[in-house]
Amino acid sequence: MTIVLIIVLVLVVIVVGGALFARQTAQKRQFGPEYDQLASEVGPRRAKAEFAKRQKRVDGLDLKQLSPEQRAAY
């Protein structure tokens, strides 16, 4: 019984750790070196909150993709 409980706890820790690592990796990919810089300055938790705030602000903007012709003009 005790061995089963230990195995279950170890598996839970592995799954949670993997999920946190995947989330952090996704944020690094999305925000690039800016994420690493902010995380080193204020810590990963505050960096995550700051990027969530920024993402919410950007989502509120009415941004539209440029057409291929417009992109070529720039």
PDB file of N, CA and C in Angstrom:
ATOM      1  N   MET A   1       0.825  -1.202   0.000  1.00  0.00           N
ATOM      2  CA  MET A   1       0.000   0.000   0.000  1.00  0.00           C
ATOM      3  C   MET A   1       0.863   1.257   0.000  1.00  0.00           C
ATOM      4  N   THR A   2       1.887   1.286   0.809  1.00  0.00           N
ATOM      5  CA  THR A   2       2.759   2.448   0.895  1.00  0.00           C
ATOM      6  C   THR A   2       3.541   2.642  -0.406  1.00  0.00           C
ATOM      7  N   ILE A   3       3.961   1.560  -1.004  1.00  0.00           N
ATOM      8  CA  ILE A   3       4.713   1.639  -2.253  1.00  0.00           C
ATOM      9  C   ILE A   3       3.838   2.208  -3.372  1.00  0.00           C
ATOM     10  N   VAL A   4       2.589   1.796  -3.413  1.00  0.00           N
ATOM     11  CA  VAL A   4       1.656   2.308  -4.427  1.00  0.00           C
ATOM     12  C   VAL A   4       1.466   3.811  -4.233  1.00  0.00           C
ATOM     13  N   LEU A   5       1.323   4.257  -3.005  1.00  0.00           N
ATOM     14  CA  LEU A   5       1.149   5.678  -2.707  1.00  0.00           C
ATOM     15  C   LEU A   5       2.383   6.471  -3.143  1.00  0.00           C
ATOM     16  N   ILE A   6       3.558   5.952  -2.872  1.00  0.00           N
ATOM     17  CA  ILE A   6       4.794   6.629  -3.270  1.00  0.00           C
ATOM     18  C   ILE A   6       4.887   6.711  -4.793  1.00  0.00           C
ATOM     19  N   ILE A   7       4.546   5.637  -5.479  1.00  0.00           N
ATOM     20  CA  ILE A   7       4.587   5.635  -6.944  1.00  0.00           C
ATOM     21  C   ILE A   7       3.611   6.658  -7.511  1.00  0.00           C
ATOM     22  N   VAL A   8       2.416   6.722  -6.953  1.00  0.00           N
ATOM     23  CA  VAL A   8       1.411   7.687  -7.411  1.00  0.00           C
ATOM     24  C   VAL A   8       1.903   9.112  -7.178  1.00  0.00           C
ATOM     25  N   LEU A   9       2.478   9.378  -6.016  1.00  0.00           N
ATOM     26  CA  LEU A   9       2.991  10.723  -5.731  1.00  0.00           C
ATOM     27  C   LEU A   9       4.125  11.106  -6.678  1.00  0.00           C
ATOM     28  N   VAL A  10       5.012  10.172  -6.952  1.00  0.00           N
ATOM     29  CA  VAL A  10       6.106  10.454  -7.877  1.00  0.00           C
ATOM     30  C   VAL A  10       5.549  10.751  -9.266  1.00  0.00           C
ATOM     31  N   LEU A  11       4.579   9.995  -9.714  1.00  0.00           N
ATOM     32  CA  LEU A  11       3.973  10.237 -11.025  1.00  0.00           C
ATOM     33  C   LEU A  11       3.286  11.598 -11.087  1.00  0.00           C
ATOM     34  N   VAL A  12       2.606  11.978 -10.022  1.00  0.00           N
ATOM     35  CA  VAL A  12       1.941  13.288  -9.973  1.00  0.00           C
ATOM     36  C   VAL A  12       2.979  14.399 -10.066  1.00  0.00           C
ATOM     37  N   VAL A  13       4.071  14.263  -9.334  1.00  0.00           N
ATOM     38  CA  VAL A  13       5.138  15.274  -9.375  1.00  0.00           C
ATOM     39  C   VAL A  13       5.723  15.369 -10.785  1.00  0.00           C
ATOM     40  N   ILE A  14       5.924  14.243 -11.435  1.00  0.00           N
ATOM     41  CA  ILE A  14       6.476  14.238 -12.796  1.00  0.00           C
ATOM     42  C   ILE A  14       5.518  14.919 -13.768  1.00  0.00           C
ATOM     43  N   VAL A  15       4.236  14.614 -13.671  1.00  0.00           N
ATOM     44  CA  VAL A  15       3.242  15.205 -14.577  1.00  0.00           C
ATOM     45  C   VAL A  15       3.144  16.709 -14.362  1.00  0.00           C
ATOM     46  N   VAL A  16       3.076  17.144 -13.113  1.00  0.00           N
ATOM     47  CA  VAL A  16       2.969  18.577 -12.816  1.00  0.00           C
ATOM     48  C   VAL A  16       4.232  19.297 -13.273  1.00  0.00           C
ATOM     49  N   GLY A  17       5.389  18.723 -12.987  1.00  0.00           N
ATOM     50  CA  GLY A  17       6.644  19.331 -13.426  1.00  0.00           C
ATOM     51  C   GLY A  17       6.724  19.433 -14.937  1.00  0.00           C
ATOM     52  N   GLY A  18       6.297  18.400 -15.625  1.00  0.00           N
ATOM     53  CA  GLY A  18       6.297  18.428 -17.085  1.00  0.00           C
ATOM     54  C   GLY A  18       5.369  19.491 -17.646  1.00  0.00           C
ATOM     55  N   ALA A  19       4.214  19.641 -17.026  1.00  0.00           N
ATOM     56  CA  ALA A  19       3.260  20.660 -17.481  1.00  0.00           C
ATOM     57  C   ALA A  19       3.831  22.065 -17.272  1.00  0.00           C
ATOM     58  N   LEU A  20       4.453  22.294 -16.130  1.00  0.00           N
ATOM     59  CA  LEU A  20       5.053  23.610 -15.865  1.00  0.00           C
ATOM     60  C   LEU A  20       6.188  23.893 -16.840  1.00  0.00           C
ATOM     61  N   PHE A  21       7.012  22.884 -17.100  1.00  0.00           N
ATOM     62  CA  PHE A  21       8.108  23.051 -18.044  1.00  0.00           C
ATOM     63  C   PHE A  21       7.584  23.348 -19.443  1.00  0.00           C
ATOM     64  N   ALA A  22       6.543  22.658 -19.858  1.00  0.00           N
ATOM     65  CA  ALA A  22       5.958  22.875 -21.185  1.00  0.00           C
ATOM     66  C   ALA A  22       5.388  24.283 -21.303  1.00  0.00           C
ATOM     67  N   ARG A  23       4.740  24.748 -20.252  1.00  0.00           N
ATOM     68  CA  ARG A  23       4.166  26.097 -20.277  1.00  0.00           C
ATOM     69  C   ARG A  23       5.266  27.142 -20.376  1.00  0.00           C
ATOM     70  N   GLN A  24       6.327  26.970 -19.592  1.00  0.00           N
ATOM     71  CA  GLN A  24       7.424  27.931 -19.618  1.00  0.00           C
ATOM     72  C   GLN A  24       8.119  27.923 -20.982  1.00  0.00           C
ATOM     73  N   THR A  25       8.284  26.749 -21.548  1.00  0.00           N
ATOM     74  CA  THR A  25       8.906  26.641 -22.871  1.00  0.00           C
ATOM     75  C   THR A  25       8.050  27.334 -23.922  1.00  0.00           C
ATOM     76  N   ALA A  26       6.737  27.178 -23.820  1.00  0.00           N
ATOM     77  CA  ALA A  26       5.835  27.836 -24.776  1.00  0.00           C
ATOM     78  C   ALA A  26       5.937  29.348 -24.652  1.00  0.00           C
ATOM     79  N   GLN A  27       6.030  29.846 -23.429  1.00  0.00           N
ATOM     80  CA  GLN A  27       6.168  31.289 -23.246  1.00  0.00           C
ATOM     81  C   GLN A  27       7.503  31.789 -23.789  1.00  0.00           C
ATOM     82  N   LYS A  28       8.557  31.035 -23.574  1.00  0.00           N
ATOM     83  CA  LYS A  28       9.858  31.426 -24.122  1.00  0.00           C
ATOM     84  C   LYS A  28       9.802  31.477 -25.645  1.00  0.00           C
ATOM     85  N   ARG A  29       9.130  30.507 -26.245  1.00  0.00           N
ATOM     86  CA  ARG A  29       9.011  30.488 -27.705  1.00  0.00           C
ATOM     87  C   ARG A  29       8.179  31.664 -28.194  1.00  0.00           C
ATOM     88  N   GLN A  30       7.110  31.988 -27.473  1.00  0.00           N
ATOM     89  CA  GLN A  30       6.212  33.061 -27.903  1.00  0.00           C
ATOM     90  C   GLN A  30       6.860  34.436 -27.750  1.00  0.00           C
ATOM     91  N   PHE A  31       7.546  34.667 -26.629  1.00  0.00           N
ATOM     92  CA  PHE A  31       8.055  36.002 -26.338  1.00  0.00           C
ATOM     93  C   PHE A  31       9.551  36.148 -26.583  1.00  0.00           C
ATOM     94  N   GLY A  32      10.235  35.062 -26.879  1.00  0.00           N
ATOM     95  CA  GLY A  32      11.642  35.115 -27.244  1.00  0.00           C
ATOM     96  C   GLY A  32      12.554  35.553 -26.106  1.00  0.00           C
ATOM     97  N   PRO A  33      13.660  36.210 -26.460  1.00  0.00           N
ATOM     98  CA  PRO A  33      14.644  36.583 -25.451  1.00  0.00           C
ATOM     99  C   PRO A  33      14.110  37.584 -24.424  1.00  0.00           C
ATOM    100  N   GLU A  34      13.059  38.293 -24.783  1.00  0.00           N
ATOM    101  CA  GLU A  34      12.477  39.249 -23.835  1.00  0.00           C
ATOM    102  C   GLU A  34      11.960  38.527 -22.594  1.00  0.00           C
ATOM    103  N   TYR A  35      11.428  37.314 -22.774  1.00  0.00           N
ATOM    104  CA  TYR A  35      10.959  36.532 -21.624  1.00  0.00           C
ATOM    105  C   TYR A  35      12.120  36.204 -20.698  1.00  0.00           C
ATOM    106  N   ASP A  36      13.224  35.743 -21.261  1.00  0.00           N
ATOM    107  CA  ASP A  36      14.389  35.396 -20.437  1.00  0.00           C
ATOM    108  C   ASP A  36      14.907  36.608 -19.677  1.00  0.00           C
ATOM    109  N   GLN A  37      14.963  37.753 -20.346  1.00  0.00           N
ATOM    110  CA  GLN A  37      15.465  38.962 -19.703  1.00  0.00           C
ATOM    111  C   GLN A  37      14.554  39.381 -18.549  1.00  0.00           C
ATOM    112  N   LEU A  38      13.249  39.414 -18.775  1.00  0.00           N
ATOM    113  CA  LEU A  38      12.324  39.829 -17.722  1.00  0.00           C
ATOM    114  C   LEU A  38      12.294  38.807 -16.588  1.00  0.00           C
ATOM    115  N   ALA A  39      12.353  37.525 -16.916  1.00  0.00           N
ATOM    116  CA  ALA A  39      12.343  36.493 -15.887  1.00  0.00           C
ATOM    117  C   ALA A  39      13.582  36.587 -15.012  1.00  0.00           C
ATOM    118  N   SER A  40      14.721  36.932 -15.594  1.00  0.00           N
ATOM    119  CA  SER A  40      15.935  37.064 -14.788  1.00  0.00           C
ATOM    120  C   SER A  40      15.892  38.325 -13.924  1.00  0.00           C
ATOM    121  N   GLU A  41      15.180  39.348 -14.381  1.00  0.00           N
ATOM    122  CA  GLU A  41      15.085  40.597 -13.617  1.00  0.00           C
ATOM    123  C   GLU A  41      14.084  40.510 -12.471  1.00  0.00           C
ATOM    124  N   VAL A  42      12.904  39.967 -12.747  1.00  0.00           N
ATOM    125  CA  VAL A  42      11.833  40.004 -11.734  1.00  0.00           C
ATOM    126  C   VAL A  42      11.393  38.624 -11.266  1.00  0.00           C
ATOM    127  N   GLY A  43      11.902  37.587 -11.891  1.00  0.00           N
ATOM    128  CA  GLY A  43      11.503  36.227 -11.536  1.00  0.00           C
ATOM    129  C   GLY A  43      10.453  35.706 -12.494  1.00  0.00           C
ATOM    130  N   PRO A  44      10.385  34.367 -12.623  1.00  0.00           N
ATOM    131  CA  PRO A  44       9.470  33.782 -13.609  1.00  0.00           C
ATOM    132  C   PRO A  44       8.001  34.037 -13.322  1.00  0.00           C
ATOM    133  N   ARG A  45       7.621  34.074 -12.062  1.00  0.00           N
ATOM    134  CA  ARG A  45       6.209  34.281 -11.733  1.00  0.00           C
ATOM    135  C   ARG A  45       5.747  35.674 -12.140  1.00  0.00           C
ATOM    136  N   ARG A  46       6.543  36.682 -11.816  1.00  0.00           N
ATOM    137  CA  ARG A  46       6.171  38.050 -12.191  1.00  0.00           C
ATOM    138  C   ARG A  46       6.253  38.246 -13.699  1.00  0.00           C
ATOM    139  N   ALA A  47       7.226  37.605 -14.326  1.00  0.00           N
ATOM    140  CA  ALA A  47       7.348  37.705 -15.788  1.00  0.00           C
ATOM    141  C   ALA A  47       6.096  37.129 -16.439  1.00  0.00           C
ATOM    142  N   LYS A  48       5.635  35.994 -15.936  1.00  0.00           N
ATOM    143  CA  LYS A  48       4.427  35.375 -16.488  1.00  0.00           C
ATOM    144  C   LYS A  48       3.234  36.320 -16.344  1.00  0.00           C
ATOM    145  N   ALA A  49       3.103  36.946 -15.171  1.00  0.00           N
ATOM    146  CA  ALA A  49       1.991  37.873 -14.942  1.00  0.00           C
ATOM    147  C   ALA A  49       2.091  39.086 -15.868  1.00  0.00           C
ATOM    148  N   GLU A  50       3.304  39.588 -16.050  1.00  0.00           N
ATOM    149  CA  GLU A  50       3.498  40.752 -16.919  1.00  0.00           C
ATOM    150  C   GLU A  50       3.150  40.421 -18.367  1.00  0.00           C
ATOM    151  N   PHE A  51       3.585  39.259 -18.842  1.00  0.00           N
ATOM    152  CA  PHE A  51       3.270  38.888 -20.215  1.00  0.00           C
ATOM    153  C   PHE A  51       1.790  38.585 -20.389  1.00  0.00           C
ATOM    154  N   ALA A  52       1.136  38.066 -19.362  1.00  0.00           N
ATOM    155  CA  ALA A  52      -0.313  37.849 -19.441  1.00  0.00           C
ATOM    156  C   ALA A  52      -1.029  39.195 -19.560  1.00  0.00           C
ATOM    157  N   LYS A  53      -0.550  40.176 -18.804  1.00  0.00           N
ATOM    158  CA  LYS A  53      -1.136  41.524 -18.866  1.00  0.00           C
ATOM    159  C   LYS A  53      -0.922  42.132 -20.252  1.00  0.00           C
ATOM    160  N   ARG A  54       0.271  41.966 -20.780  1.00  0.00           N
ATOM    161  CA  ARG A  54       0.561  42.498 -22.115  1.00  0.00           C
ATOM    162  C   ARG A  54      -0.291  41.813 -23.177  1.00  0.00           C
ATOM    163  N   GLN A  55      -0.422  40.496 -23.054  1.00  0.00           N
ATOM    164  CA  GLN A  55      -1.212  39.742 -24.031  1.00  0.00           C
ATOM    165  C   GLN A  55      -2.675  40.177 -23.998  1.00  0.00           C
ATOM    166  N   LYS A  56      -3.193  40.422 -22.805  1.00  0.00           N
ATOM    167  CA  LYS A  56      -4.582  40.863 -22.670  1.00  0.00           C
ATOM    168  C   LYS A  56      -4.767  42.231 -23.327  1.00  0.00           C
ATOM    169  N   ARG A  57      -3.775  43.126 -23.143  1.00  0.00           N
ATOM    170  CA  ARG A  57      -3.856  44.448 -23.753  1.00  0.00           C
ATOM    171  C   ARG A  57      -3.819  44.331 -25.276  1.00  0.00           C
ATOM    172  N   VAL A  58      -2.934  43.515 -25.806  1.00  0.00           N
ATOM    173  CA  VAL A  58      -2.818  43.355 -27.256  1.00  0.00           C
ATOM    174  C   VAL A  58      -4.068  42.708 -27.829  1.00  0.00           C
ATOM    175  N   ASP A  59      -4.637  41.738 -27.113  1.00  0.00           N
ATOM    176  CA  ASP A  59      -5.864  41.095 -27.593  1.00  0.00           C
ATOM    177  C   ASP A  59      -7.013  42.083 -27.703  1.00  0.00           C
ATOM    178  N   GLY A  60      -6.988  43.152 -26.906  1.00  0.00           N
ATOM    179  CA  GLY A  60      -8.034  44.159 -26.953  1.00  0.00           C
ATOM    180  C   GLY A  60      -7.905  45.114 -28.130  1.00  0.00           C
ATOM    181  N   LEU A  61      -6.759  45.102 -28.801  1.00  0.00           N
ATOM    182  CA  LEU A  61      -6.548  45.975 -29.956  1.00  0.00           C
ATOM    183  C   LEU A  61      -7.196  45.357 -31.194  1.00  0.00           C
ATOM    184  N   ASP A  62      -7.582  46.199 -32.110  1.00  0.00           N
ATOM    185  CA  ASP A  62      -8.214  45.723 -33.343  1.00  0.00           C
ATOM    186  C   ASP A  62      -7.147  45.585 -34.422  1.00  0.00           C
ATOM    187  N   LEU A  63      -6.301  44.559 -34.296  1.00  0.00           N
ATOM    188  CA  LEU A  63      -5.213  44.356 -35.241  1.00  0.00           C
ATOM    189  C   LEU A  63      -5.680  43.468 -36.388  1.00  0.00           C
ATOM    190  N   LYS A  64      -5.240  43.806 -37.570  1.00  0.00           N
ATOM    191  CA  LYS A  64      -5.617  43.035 -38.753  1.00  0.00           C
ATOM    192  C   LYS A  64      -4.353  42.677 -39.527  1.00  0.00           C
ATOM    193  N   GLN A  65      -4.359  41.504 -40.138  1.00  0.00           N
ATOM    194  CA  GLN A  65      -3.236  41.080 -40.965  1.00  0.00           C
ATOM    195  C   GLN A  65      -3.190  41.930 -42.235  1.00  0.00           C
ATOM    196  N   LEU A  66      -1.978  42.232 -42.664  1.00  0.00           N
ATOM    197  CA  LEU A  66      -1.825  42.923 -43.938  1.00  0.00           C
ATOM    198  C   LEU A  66      -1.975  41.927 -45.078  1.00  0.00           C
ATOM    199  N   SER A  67      -2.494  42.409 -46.169  1.00  0.00           N
ATOM    200  CA  SER A  67      -2.579  41.559 -47.355  1.00  0.00           C
ATOM    201  C   SER A  67      -1.156  41.390 -47.909  1.00  0.00           C
ATOM    202  N   PRO A  68      -0.945  40.376 -48.743  1.00  0.00           N
ATOM    203  CA  PRO A  68       0.392  40.212 -49.334  1.00  0.00           C
ATOM    204  C   PRO A  68       0.850  41.457 -50.110  1.00  0.00           C
ATOM    205  N   GLU A  69      -0.076  42.137 -50.763  1.00  0.00           N
ATOM    206  CA  GLU A  69       0.273  43.355 -51.500  1.00  0.00           C
ATOM    207  C   GLU A  69       0.723  44.465 -50.540  1.00  0.00           C
ATOM    208  N   GLN A  70       0.014  44.605 -49.420  1.00  0.00           N
ATOM    209  CA  GLN A  70       0.385  45.612 -48.439  1.00  0.00           C
ATOM    210  C   GLN A  70       1.747  45.297 -47.821  1.00  0.00           C
ATOM    211  N   ARG A  71       1.985  44.016 -47.535  1.00  0.00           N
ATOM    212  CA  ARG A  71       3.289  43.615 -46.970  1.00  0.00           C
ATOM    213  C   ARG A  71       4.404  43.906 -47.942  1.00  0.00           C
ATOM    214  N   ALA A  72       4.160  43.650 -49.213  1.00  0.00           N
ATOM    215  CA  ALA A  72       5.188  43.904 -50.221  1.00  0.00           C
ATOM    216  C   ALA A  72       5.489  45.394 -50.332  1.00  0.00           C
ATOM    217  N   ALA A  73       4.474  46.240 -50.114  1.00  0.00           N
ATOM    218  CA  ALA A  73       4.666  47.681 -50.196  1.00  0.00           C
ATOM    219  C   ALA A  73       5.579  48.195 -49.073  1.00  0.00           C
ATOM    220  N   TYR A  74       5.571  47.483 -47.951  1.00  0.00           N
ATOM    221  CA  TYR A  74       6.418  47.902 -46.841  1.00  0.00           C
ATOM    222  C   TYR A  74       7.767  47.251 -46.944  1.00  0.00           C
TER     223      TYR A  74
END
